[in-house]
Amino acid sequence: MEWKLDDNRPIWIQLQEQLTRKILSGWYRAGERLPSVRELAAEAGVNPNTMQRALAGLDMEGLTVTNRTTGRTVTEDNAVLEGMRATLAADIIRHFYESAAELGYTKEQALELLKRRDG
């Protein structure tokens, strides 16, 4: 997995966001065991404590479940996964409309741009 990190925002938040997208996109499937904290930290080039903080955030959101014997796995609760997917999609759409508005487009014009681009 390629990690894209910048110094403008807390690293753990960026890690949590990227892991969330990997889970919601199916990179990590429901019920799948995630690599260990140390493995993920080494892969991302960050301190294990930073990665642990990101993973704890996933636990709090309900995207992952931690078990002392089997490690951390992706939740098998489809309602949680679909809810988070819908929330993330809504954020992307809101950001698109806000960015289009900054360019002077109305919501309807921005939607028309999407339709033309898609076709």
Protein backbone atom coordinates (compact mmCIF):
# COMPACT_ATOMS: atom_id res chain seq x y z
CA MET A 1 0.00 0.00 0.00
CA GLU A 2 1.34 3.41 -0.92
CA TRP A 3 1.10 5.97 1.87
CA LYS A 4 0.73 9.66 1.07
CA LEU A 5 1.60 11.80 4.06
CA ASP A 6 2.23 15.51 4.37
CA ASP A 7 3.37 17.72 7.22
CA ASN A 8 0.34 20.03 7.12
CA ARG A 9 -1.94 17.75 9.16
CA PRO A 10 -1.41 15.27 11.99
CA ILE A 11 0.08 12.07 10.59
CA TRP A 12 -2.17 9.76 12.62
CA ILE A 13 -5.28 11.40 11.14
CA GLN A 14 -3.92 10.93 7.62
CA LEU A 15 -3.14 7.29 8.38
CA GLN A 16 -6.62 6.74 9.80
CA GLU A 17 -8.21 8.33 6.72
CA GLN A 18 -6.16 6.22 4.35
CA LEU A 19 -6.89 3.02 6.25
CA THR A 20 -10.59 3.92 6.28
CA ARG A 21 -10.57 4.29 2.50
CA LYS A 22 -8.74 0.99 2.12
CA ILE A 23 -11.39 -0.74 4.22
CA LEU A 24 -14.35 0.93 2.50
CA SER A 25 -12.95 0.26 -0.97
CA GLY A 26 -12.49 -3.44 -0.22
CA TRP A 27 -8.68 -3.41 -0.13
CA TYR A 28 -9.17 -4.94 3.32
CA ARG A 29 -12.34 -7.04 3.28
CA ALA A 30 -14.90 -7.55 6.04
CA GLY A 31 -13.53 -10.02 8.58
CA GLU A 32 -9.99 -9.81 7.21
CA ARG A 33 -7.13 -9.57 9.68
CA LEU A 34 -5.09 -6.38 9.34
CA PRO A 35 -1.29 -6.46 9.45
CA SER A 36 0.19 -5.78 12.88
CA VAL A 37 0.80 -2.26 14.13
CA ARG A 38 4.53 -2.72 13.62
CA GLU A 39 4.10 -4.05 10.08
CA LEU A 40 1.82 -1.16 9.08
CA ALA A 41 4.10 1.38 10.77
CA ALA A 42 7.16 0.03 8.94
CA GLU A 43 5.27 0.06 5.65
CA ALA A 44 4.16 3.68 6.18
CA GLY A 45 7.53 4.78 7.59
CA VAL A 46 6.04 6.06 10.85
CA ASN A 47 6.47 5.40 14.55
CA PRO A 48 4.41 2.41 15.79
CA ASN A 49 2.76 4.67 18.39
CA THR A 50 1.50 6.93 15.60
CA MET A 51 0.06 3.95 13.72
CA GLN A 52 -1.49 2.61 16.93
CA ARG A 53 -3.28 5.93 17.41
CA ALA A 54 -4.67 5.73 13.86
CA LEU A 55 -5.82 2.15 14.39
CA ALA A 56 -7.42 3.05 17.72
CA GLY A 57 -9.45 5.62 15.79
CA LEU A 58 -10.68 2.86 13.45
CA ASP A 59 -11.68 0.83 16.51
CA MET A 60 -13.62 3.80 17.89
CA GLU A 61 -15.43 4.27 14.57
CA GLY A 62 -16.38 0.60 14.58
CA LEU A 63 -14.50 -0.19 11.37
CA THR A 64 -12.14 -2.60 13.12
CA VAL A 65 -12.43 -5.01 16.00
CA THR A 66 -9.49 -5.88 18.22
CA ASN A 67 -9.10 -9.30 19.77
CA ARG A 68 -6.13 -10.11 21.97
CA THR A 69 -5.63 -13.54 20.44
CA THR A 70 -6.40 -12.94 16.76
CA GLY A 71 -5.34 -9.31 16.38
CA ARG A 72 -7.28 -6.55 14.65
CA THR A 73 -9.81 -7.41 11.96
CA VAL A 74 -12.15 -5.40 9.76
CA THR A 75 -15.69 -5.39 11.10
CA GLU A 76 -18.16 -7.78 9.54
CA ASP A 77 -21.02 -5.38 10.31
CA ASN A 78 -22.20 -4.34 6.86
CA ALA A 79 -24.38 -1.58 8.32
CA VAL A 80 -21.27 0.08 9.77
CA LEU A 81 -19.35 -0.31 6.51
CA GLU A 82 -22.20 1.00 4.34
CA GLY A 83 -22.88 3.86 6.75
CA MET A 84 -19.25 4.96 6.67
CA ARG A 85 -19.12 4.55 2.88
CA ALA A 86 -22.21 6.77 2.51
CA THR A 87 -20.76 9.36 4.90
CA LEU A 88 -17.46 9.48 3.02
CA ALA A 89 -19.27 9.76 -0.33
CA ALA A 90 -21.41 12.61 1.02
CA ASP A 91 -18.25 14.43 2.15
CA ILE A 92 -16.69 14.01 -1.31
CA ILE A 93 -19.83 15.36 -2.97
CA ARG A 94 -20.04 18.31 -0.57
CA HIS A 95 -16.39 19.14 -1.23
CA PHE A 96 -16.99 18.96 -4.99
CA TYR A 97 -19.92 21.38 -4.80
CA GLU A 98 -17.96 23.76 -2.54
CA SER A 99 -14.98 23.71 -4.91
CA ALA A 100 -17.22 24.28 -7.93
CA ALA A 101 -18.90 27.18 -6.13
CA GLU A 102 -15.48 28.76 -5.57
CA LEU A 103 -15.10 28.69 -9.35
CA GLY A 104 -18.44 30.44 -9.76
CA TYR A 105 -20.62 27.46 -10.62
CA THR A 106 -24.09 26.95 -9.19
CA LYS A 107 -24.97 23.53 -7.83
CA GLU A 108 -26.96 22.80 -10.99
CA GLN A 109 -24.08 23.86 -13.24
CA ALA A 110 -21.66 21.71 -11.25
CA LEU A 111 -23.99 18.72 -11.61
CA GLU A 112 -24.17 19.34 -15.35
CA LEU A 113 -20.36 19.33 -15.48
CA LEU A 114 -20.37 15.92 -13.83
CA LYS A 115 -22.92 14.57 -16.28
CA ARG A 116 -20.92 15.81 -19.27
CA ARG A 117 -17.66 14.45 -17.84
CA ASP A 118 -19.20 11.07 -17.14
CA GLY A 119 -20.73 10.66 -20.60
